[in-house]
Amino acid sequence: MVKVEFLGPIGKEPVEIDAKTLAEVAAALKKDPELEKWLETAAVAVNDTMVDSLEVTLKDGDRVSLLPPVCGG
């Protein structure tokens, strides 16, 4: 199981998903209409390291973070 946390304005509680890759996590999260818009724009980190591929292999206990874009000045 991996823990998925949603940061900033996404406003959802963390969930645990049985997944071996980020592609499997993405497929599971796309089932939630509230999350679908965030999946297109959010950056993703695995165990606090930014990643840019859905082919990242996950192991039991990993933490996946969805980081929405932010505005600032």
PDB file of N, CA and C in Angstrom:
ATOM      1  N   MET A   1       0.840  -1.182   0.000  1.00  0.00           N
ATOM      2  CA  MET A   1       0.000   0.000   0.000  1.00  0.00           C
ATOM      3  C   MET A   1       0.887   1.248   0.000  1.00  0.00           C
ATOM      4  N   VAL A   2       0.461   2.245  -0.762  1.00  0.00           N
ATOM      5  CA  VAL A   2       1.142   3.531  -0.747  1.00  0.00           C
ATOM      6  C   VAL A   2       0.157   4.574  -0.221  1.00  0.00           C
ATOM      7  N   LYS A   3       0.695   5.577   0.450  1.00  0.00           N
ATOM      8  CA  LYS A   3      -0.135   6.655   0.973  1.00  0.00           C
ATOM      9  C   LYS A   3      -0.094   7.806  -0.023  1.00  0.00           C
ATOM     10  N   VAL A   4      -1.257   8.309  -0.396  1.00  0.00           N
ATOM     11  CA  VAL A   4      -1.349   9.441  -1.311  1.00  0.00           C
ATOM     12  C   VAL A   4      -1.877  10.627  -0.522  1.00  0.00           C
ATOM     13  N   GLU A   5      -1.109  11.729  -0.540  1.00  0.00           N
ATOM     14  CA  GLU A   5      -1.534  12.930   0.169  1.00  0.00           C
ATOM     15  C   GLU A   5      -1.760  14.050  -0.838  1.00  0.00           C
ATOM     16  N   PHE A   6      -2.724  14.895  -0.506  1.00  0.00           N
ATOM     17  CA  PHE A   6      -3.155  15.968  -1.387  1.00  0.00           C
ATOM     18  C   PHE A   6      -2.875  17.295  -0.699  1.00  0.00           C
ATOM     19  N   LEU A   7      -1.967  18.069  -1.252  1.00  0.00           N
ATOM     20  CA  LEU A   7      -1.522  19.294  -0.597  1.00  0.00           C
ATOM     21  C   LEU A   7      -2.301  20.513  -1.084  1.00  0.00           C
ATOM     22  N   GLY A   8      -2.192  21.591  -0.309  1.00  0.00           N
ATOM     23  CA  GLY A   8      -2.779  22.875  -0.693  1.00  0.00           C
ATOM     24  C   GLY A   8      -4.279  22.834  -0.880  1.00  0.00           C
ATOM     25  N   PRO A   9      -4.750  23.501  -1.938  1.00  0.00           N
ATOM     26  CA  PRO A   9      -6.190  23.682  -2.122  1.00  0.00           C
ATOM     27  C   PRO A   9      -6.944  22.442  -2.581  1.00  0.00           C
ATOM     28  N   ILE A  10      -6.270  21.329  -2.799  1.00  0.00           N
ATOM     29  CA  ILE A  10      -6.988  20.121  -3.218  1.00  0.00           C
ATOM     30  C   ILE A  10      -7.993  19.728  -2.149  1.00  0.00           C
ATOM     31  N   GLY A  11      -7.598  19.842  -0.900  1.00  0.00           N
ATOM     32  CA  GLY A  11      -8.543  19.695   0.209  1.00  0.00           C
ATOM     33  C   GLY A  11      -9.118  18.302   0.416  1.00  0.00           C
ATOM     34  N   LYS A  12      -8.338  17.268   0.167  1.00  0.00           N
ATOM     35  CA  LYS A  12      -8.822  15.909   0.415  1.00  0.00           C
ATOM     36  C   LYS A  12      -7.927  15.251   1.463  1.00  0.00           C
ATOM     37  N   GLU A  13      -8.520  14.350   2.207  1.00  0.00           N
ATOM     38  CA  GLU A  13      -7.770  13.592   3.202  1.00  0.00           C
ATOM     39  C   GLU A  13      -6.883  12.568   2.491  1.00  0.00           C
ATOM     40  N   PRO A  14      -5.745  12.210   3.068  1.00  0.00           N
ATOM     41  CA  PRO A  14      -4.882  11.185   2.465  1.00  0.00           C
ATOM     42  C   PRO A  14      -5.631   9.858   2.312  1.00  0.00           C
ATOM     43  N   VAL A  15      -5.226   9.101   1.296  1.00  0.00           N
ATOM     44  CA  VAL A  15      -5.804   7.782   1.057  1.00  0.00           C
ATOM     45  C   VAL A  15      -4.679   6.773   0.874  1.00  0.00           C
ATOM     46  N   GLU A  16      -4.987   5.514   1.087  1.00  0.00           N
ATOM     47  CA  GLU A  16      -4.034   4.446   0.829  1.00  0.00           C
ATOM     48  C   GLU A  16      -4.523   3.656  -0.378  1.00  0.00           C
ATOM     49  N   ILE A  17      -3.592   3.373  -1.285  1.00  0.00           N
ATOM     50  CA  ILE A  17      -3.920   2.682  -2.531  1.00  0.00           C
ATOM     51  C   ILE A  17      -2.930   1.534  -2.708  1.00  0.00           C
ATOM     52  N   ASP A  18      -3.432   0.399  -3.141  1.00  0.00           N
ATOM     53  CA  ASP A  18      -2.576  -0.736  -3.462  1.00  0.00           C
ATOM     54  C   ASP A  18      -2.116  -0.554  -4.904  1.00  0.00           C
ATOM     55  N   ALA A  19      -0.872  -0.093  -5.097  1.00  0.00           N
ATOM     56  CA  ALA A  19      -0.356   0.207  -6.432  1.00  0.00           C
ATOM     57  C   ALA A  19       1.134  -0.096  -6.498  1.00  0.00           C
ATOM     58  N   LYS A  20       1.575  -0.514  -7.680  1.00  0.00           N
ATOM     59  CA  LYS A  20       2.989  -0.823  -7.910  1.00  0.00           C
ATOM     60  C   LYS A  20       3.693   0.272  -8.713  1.00  0.00           C
ATOM     61  N   THR A  21       2.908   1.152  -9.393  1.00  0.00           N
ATOM     62  CA  THR A  21       3.479   2.244 -10.180  1.00  0.00           C
ATOM     63  C   THR A  21       2.620   3.490  -9.998  1.00  0.00           C
ATOM     64  N   LEU A  22       3.180   4.637 -10.393  1.00  0.00           N
ATOM     65  CA  LEU A  22       2.382   5.869 -10.367  1.00  0.00           C
ATOM     66  C   LEU A  22       1.232   5.796 -11.360  1.00  0.00           C
ATOM     67  N   ALA A  23       1.406   5.058 -12.457  1.00  0.00           N
ATOM     68  CA  ALA A  23       0.311   4.899 -13.419  1.00  0.00           C
ATOM     69  C   ALA A  23      -0.903   4.252 -12.748  1.00  0.00           C
ATOM     70  N   GLU A  24      -0.674   3.284 -11.891  1.00  0.00           N
ATOM     71  CA  GLU A  24      -1.774   2.647 -11.171  1.00  0.00           C
ATOM     72  C   GLU A  24      -2.421   3.615 -10.181  1.00  0.00           C
ATOM     73  N   VAL A  25      -1.608   4.446  -9.539  1.00  0.00           N
ATOM     74  CA  VAL A  25      -2.154   5.462  -8.632  1.00  0.00           C
ATOM     75  C   VAL A  25      -3.022   6.440  -9.428  1.00  0.00           C
ATOM     76  N   ALA A  26      -2.520   6.908 -10.559  1.00  0.00           N
ATOM     77  CA  ALA A  26      -3.273   7.853 -11.391  1.00  0.00           C
ATOM     78  C   ALA A  26      -4.596   7.253 -11.834  1.00  0.00           C
ATOM     79  N   ALA A  27      -4.584   5.995 -12.254  1.00  0.00           N
ATOM     80  CA  ALA A  27      -5.820   5.333 -12.696  1.00  0.00           C
ATOM     81  C   ALA A  27      -6.836   5.279 -11.561  1.00  0.00           C
ATOM     82  N   ALA A  28      -6.381   4.980 -10.354  1.00  0.00           N
ATOM     83  CA  ALA A  28      -7.287   4.920  -9.207  1.00  0.00           C
ATOM     84  C   ALA A  28      -7.844   6.305  -8.876  1.00  0.00           C
ATOM     85  N   LEU A  29      -6.996   7.331  -8.932  1.00  0.00           N
ATOM     86  CA  LEU A  29      -7.440   8.684  -8.574  1.00  0.00           C
ATOM     87  C   LEU A  29      -8.382   9.276  -9.616  1.00  0.00           C
ATOM     88  N   LYS A  30      -8.248   8.874 -10.879  1.00  0.00           N
ATOM     89  CA  LYS A  30      -9.124   9.392 -11.939  1.00  0.00           C
ATOM     90  C   LYS A  30     -10.580   8.989 -11.731  1.00  0.00           C
ATOM     91  N   LYS A  31     -10.824   8.012 -10.894  1.00  0.00           N
ATOM     92  CA  LYS A  31     -12.193   7.588 -10.601  1.00  0.00           C
ATOM     93  C   LYS A  31     -12.933   8.606  -9.739  1.00  0.00           C
ATOM     94  N   ASP A  32     -12.194   9.529  -9.125  1.00  0.00           N
ATOM     95  CA  ASP A  32     -12.782  10.566  -8.273  1.00  0.00           C
ATOM     96  C   ASP A  32     -12.906  11.856  -9.087  1.00  0.00           C
ATOM     97  N   PRO A  33     -14.144  12.262  -9.436  1.00  0.00           N
ATOM     98  CA  PRO A  33     -14.327  13.459 -10.259  1.00  0.00           C
ATOM     99  C   PRO A  33     -13.715  14.725  -9.659  1.00  0.00           C
ATOM    100  N   GLU A  34     -13.647  14.821  -8.338  1.00  0.00           N
ATOM    101  CA  GLU A  34     -13.053  15.991  -7.696  1.00  0.00           C
ATOM    102  C   GLU A  34     -11.550  16.075  -7.945  1.00  0.00           C
ATOM    103  N   LEU A  35     -10.907  14.951  -8.148  1.00  0.00           N
ATOM    104  CA  LEU A  35      -9.459  14.924  -8.330  1.00  0.00           C
ATOM    105  C   LEU A  35      -9.037  15.035  -9.788  1.00  0.00           C
ATOM    106  N   GLU A  36      -9.925  14.720 -10.706  1.00  0.00           N
ATOM    107  CA  GLU A  36      -9.555  14.648 -12.113  1.00  0.00           C
ATOM    108  C   GLU A  36      -8.897  15.932 -12.613  1.00  0.00           C
ATOM    109  N   LYS A  37      -9.446  17.098 -12.251  1.00  0.00           N
ATOM    110  CA  LYS A  37      -8.861  18.367 -12.722  1.00  0.00           C
ATOM    111  C   LYS A  37      -7.462  18.596 -12.154  1.00  0.00           C
ATOM    112  N   TRP A  38      -7.213  18.132 -10.932  1.00  0.00           N
ATOM    113  CA  TRP A  38      -5.905  18.327 -10.306  1.00  0.00           C
ATOM    114  C   TRP A  38      -4.847  17.430 -10.934  1.00  0.00           C
ATOM    115  N   LEU A  39      -5.235  16.272 -11.426  1.00  0.00           N
ATOM    116  CA  LEU A  39      -4.264  15.336 -11.989  1.00  0.00           C
ATOM    117  C   LEU A  39      -3.585  15.893 -13.227  1.00  0.00           C
ATOM    118  N   GLU A  40      -4.252  16.786 -13.940  1.00  0.00           N
ATOM    119  CA  GLU A  40      -3.678  17.380 -15.149  1.00  0.00           C
ATOM    120  C   GLU A  40      -2.602  18.418 -14.835  1.00  0.00           C
ATOM    121  N   THR A  41      -2.707  19.080 -13.684  1.00  0.00           N
ATOM    122  CA  THR A  41      -1.832  20.219 -13.412  1.00  0.00           C
ATOM    123  C   THR A  41      -0.885  20.038 -12.226  1.00  0.00           C
ATOM    124  N   ALA A  42      -1.156  19.077 -11.370  1.00  0.00           N
ATOM    125  CA  ALA A  42      -0.356  18.927 -10.153  1.00  0.00           C
ATOM    126  C   ALA A  42       1.008  18.302 -10.439  1.00  0.00           C
ATOM    127  N   ALA A  43       1.997  18.769  -9.711  1.00  0.00           N
ATOM    128  CA  ALA A  43       3.296  18.106  -9.701  1.00  0.00           C
ATOM    129  C   ALA A  43       3.178  16.914  -8.756  1.00  0.00           C
ATOM    130  N   VAL A  44       4.073  15.955  -8.932  1.00  0.00           N
ATOM    131  CA  VAL A  44       4.014  14.736  -8.119  1.00  0.00           C
ATOM    132  C   VAL A  44       5.376  14.474  -7.482  1.00  0.00           C
ATOM    133  N   ALA A  45       5.339  14.111  -6.221  1.00  0.00           N
ATOM    134  CA  ALA A  45       6.560  13.720  -5.517  1.00  0.00           C
ATOM    135  C   ALA A  45       6.345  12.337  -4.909  1.00  0.00           C
ATOM    136  N   VAL A  46       7.400  11.542  -4.919  1.00  0.00           N
ATOM    137  CA  VAL A  46       7.395  10.244  -4.248  1.00  0.00           C
ATOM    138  C   VAL A  46       8.454  10.323  -3.151  1.00  0.00           C
ATOM    139  N   ASN A  47       7.996  10.171  -1.925  1.00  0.00           N
ATOM    140  CA  ASN A  47       8.898  10.275  -0.766  1.00  0.00           C
ATOM    141  C   ASN A  47       9.709  11.569  -0.820  1.00  0.00           C
ATOM    142  N   ASP A  48       9.025  12.670  -1.118  1.00  0.00           N
ATOM    143  CA  ASP A  48       9.588  14.022  -1.149  1.00  0.00           C
ATOM    144  C   ASP A  48      10.561  14.285  -2.293  1.00  0.00           C
ATOM    145  N   THR A  49      10.586  13.430  -3.309  1.00  0.00           N
ATOM    146  CA  THR A  49      11.412  13.640  -4.491  1.00  0.00           C
ATOM    147  C   THR A  49      10.491  13.827  -5.695  1.00  0.00           C
ATOM    148  N   MET A  50      10.652  14.959  -6.394  1.00  0.00           N
ATOM    149  CA  MET A  50       9.815  15.246  -7.552  1.00  0.00           C
ATOM    150  C   MET A  50      10.069  14.208  -8.647  1.00  0.00           C
ATOM    151  N   VAL A  51       8.985  13.784  -9.302  1.00  0.00           N
ATOM    152  CA  VAL A  51       9.080  12.818 -10.404  1.00  0.00           C
ATOM    153  C   VAL A  51       8.289  13.355 -11.588  1.00  0.00           C
ATOM    154  N   ASP A  52       8.622  12.868 -12.788  1.00  0.00           N
ATOM    155  CA  ASP A  52       7.914  13.344 -13.980  1.00  0.00           C
ATOM    156  C   ASP A  52       7.481  12.202 -14.901  1.00  0.00           C
ATOM    157  N   SER A  53       7.392  11.002 -14.353  1.00  0.00           N
ATOM    158  CA  SER A  53       6.989   9.843 -15.146  1.00  0.00           C
ATOM    159  C   SER A  53       6.000   8.996 -14.363  1.00  0.00           C
ATOM    160  N   LEU A  54       4.997   8.497 -15.052  1.00  0.00           N
ATOM    161  CA  LEU A  54       4.047   7.590 -14.414  1.00  0.00           C
ATOM    162  C   LEU A  54       4.606   6.180 -14.294  1.00  0.00           C
ATOM    163  N   GLU A  55       5.772   5.948 -14.857  1.00  0.00           N
ATOM    164  CA  GLU A  55       6.376   4.618 -14.822  1.00  0.00           C
ATOM    165  C   GLU A  55       7.219   4.382 -13.564  1.00  0.00           C
ATOM    166  N   VAL A  56       7.198   5.326 -12.633  1.00  0.00           N
ATOM    167  CA  VAL A  56       7.952   5.176 -11.385  1.00  0.00           C
ATOM    168  C   VAL A  56       7.398   3.977 -10.616  1.00  0.00           C
ATOM    169  N   THR A  57       8.298   3.092 -10.213  1.00  0.00           N
ATOM    170  CA  THR A  57       7.917   1.915  -9.436  1.00  0.00           C
ATOM    171  C   THR A  57       7.770   2.307  -7.967  1.00  0.00           C
ATOM    172  N   LEU A  58       6.710   1.811  -7.358  1.00  0.00           N
ATOM    173  CA  LEU A  58       6.442   2.101  -5.949  1.00  0.00           C
ATOM    174  C   LEU A  58       6.591   0.838  -5.124  1.00  0.00           C
ATOM    175  N   LYS A  59       6.937   1.035  -3.855  1.00  0.00           N
ATOM    176  CA  LYS A  59       7.001  -0.102  -2.944  1.00  0.00           C
ATOM    177  C   LYS A  59       6.117   0.184  -1.731  1.00  0.00           C
ATOM    178  N   ASP A  60       5.799  -0.854  -1.026  1.00  0.00           N
ATOM    179  CA  ASP A  60       4.938  -0.747   0.144  1.00  0.00           C
ATOM    180  C   ASP A  60       5.480   0.306   1.103  1.00  0.00           C
ATOM    181  N   GLY A  61       4.615   1.229   1.517  1.00  0.00           N
ATOM    182  CA  GLY A  61       5.004   2.269   2.462  1.00  0.00           C
ATOM    183  C   GLY A  61       5.433   3.575   1.824  1.00  0.00           C
ATOM    184  N   ASP A  62       5.555   3.614   0.487  1.00  0.00           N
ATOM    185  CA  ASP A  62       5.921   4.871  -0.175  1.00  0.00           C
ATOM    186  C   ASP A  62       4.830   5.913   0.018  1.00  0.00           C
ATOM    187  N   ARG A  63       5.233   7.185  -0.060  1.00  0.00           N
ATOM    188  CA  ARG A  63       4.294   8.308   0.061  1.00  0.00           C
ATOM    189  C   ARG A  63       4.304   9.092  -1.242  1.00  0.00           C
ATOM    190  N   VAL A  64       3.135   9.241  -1.837  1.00  0.00           N
ATOM    191  CA  VAL A  64       2.956  10.013  -3.070  1.00  0.00           C
ATOM    192  C   VAL A  64       2.243  11.304  -2.694  1.00  0.00           C
ATOM    193  N   SER A  65       2.797  12.437  -3.129  1.00  0.00           N
ATOM    194  CA  SER A  65       2.206  13.740  -2.825  1.00  0.00           C
ATOM    195  C   SER A  65       1.802  14.431  -4.111  1.00  0.00           C
ATOM    196  N   LEU A  66       0.576  14.941  -4.147  1.00  0.00           N
ATOM    197  CA  LEU A  66       0.125  15.760  -5.267  1.00  0.00           C
ATOM    198  C   LEU A  66       0.250  17.214  -4.854  1.00  0.00           C
ATOM    199  N   LEU A  67       1.026  17.972  -5.631  1.00  0.00           N
ATOM    200  CA  LEU A  67       1.320  19.364  -5.317  1.00  0.00           C
ATOM    201  C   LEU A  67       0.697  20.251  -6.386  1.00  0.00           C
ATOM    202  N   PRO A  68      -0.410  20.926  -6.081  1.00  0.00           N
ATOM    203  CA  PRO A  68      -1.055  21.765  -7.080  1.00  0.00           C
ATOM    204  C   PRO A  68      -0.218  22.997  -7.397  1.00  0.00           C
ATOM    205  N   PRO A  69      -0.402  23.557  -8.600  1.00  0.00           N
ATOM    206  CA  PRO A  69       0.315  24.791  -8.924  1.00  0.00           C
ATOM    207  C   PRO A  69      -0.144  25.906  -7.992  1.00  0.00           C
ATOM    208  N   VAL A  70       0.763  26.828  -7.707  1.00  0.00           N
ATOM    209  CA  VAL A  70       0.431  27.944  -6.827  1.00  0.00           C
ATOM    210  C   VAL A  70       0.787  29.260  -7.516  1.00  0.00           C
ATOM    211  N   CYS A  71       0.140  30.291  -7.076  1.00  0.00           N
ATOM    212  CA  CYS A  71       0.438  31.631  -7.557  1.00  0.00           C
ATOM    213  C   CYS A  71       1.043  32.423  -6.400  1.00  0.00           C
ATOM    214  N   GLY A  72       1.884  33.308  -6.704  1.00  0.00           N
ATOM    215  CA  GLY A  72       2.474  34.106  -5.652  1.00  0.00           C
ATOM    216  C   GLY A  72       3.195  35.294  -6.248  1.00  0.00           C
ATOM    217  N   GLY A  73       3.673  36.140  -5.405  1.00  0.00           N
ATOM    218  CA  GLY A  73       4.363  37.298  -5.928  1.00  0.00           C
ATOM    219  C   GLY A  73       5.397  37.804  -5.006  1.00  0.00           C
TER     220      GLY A  73
END
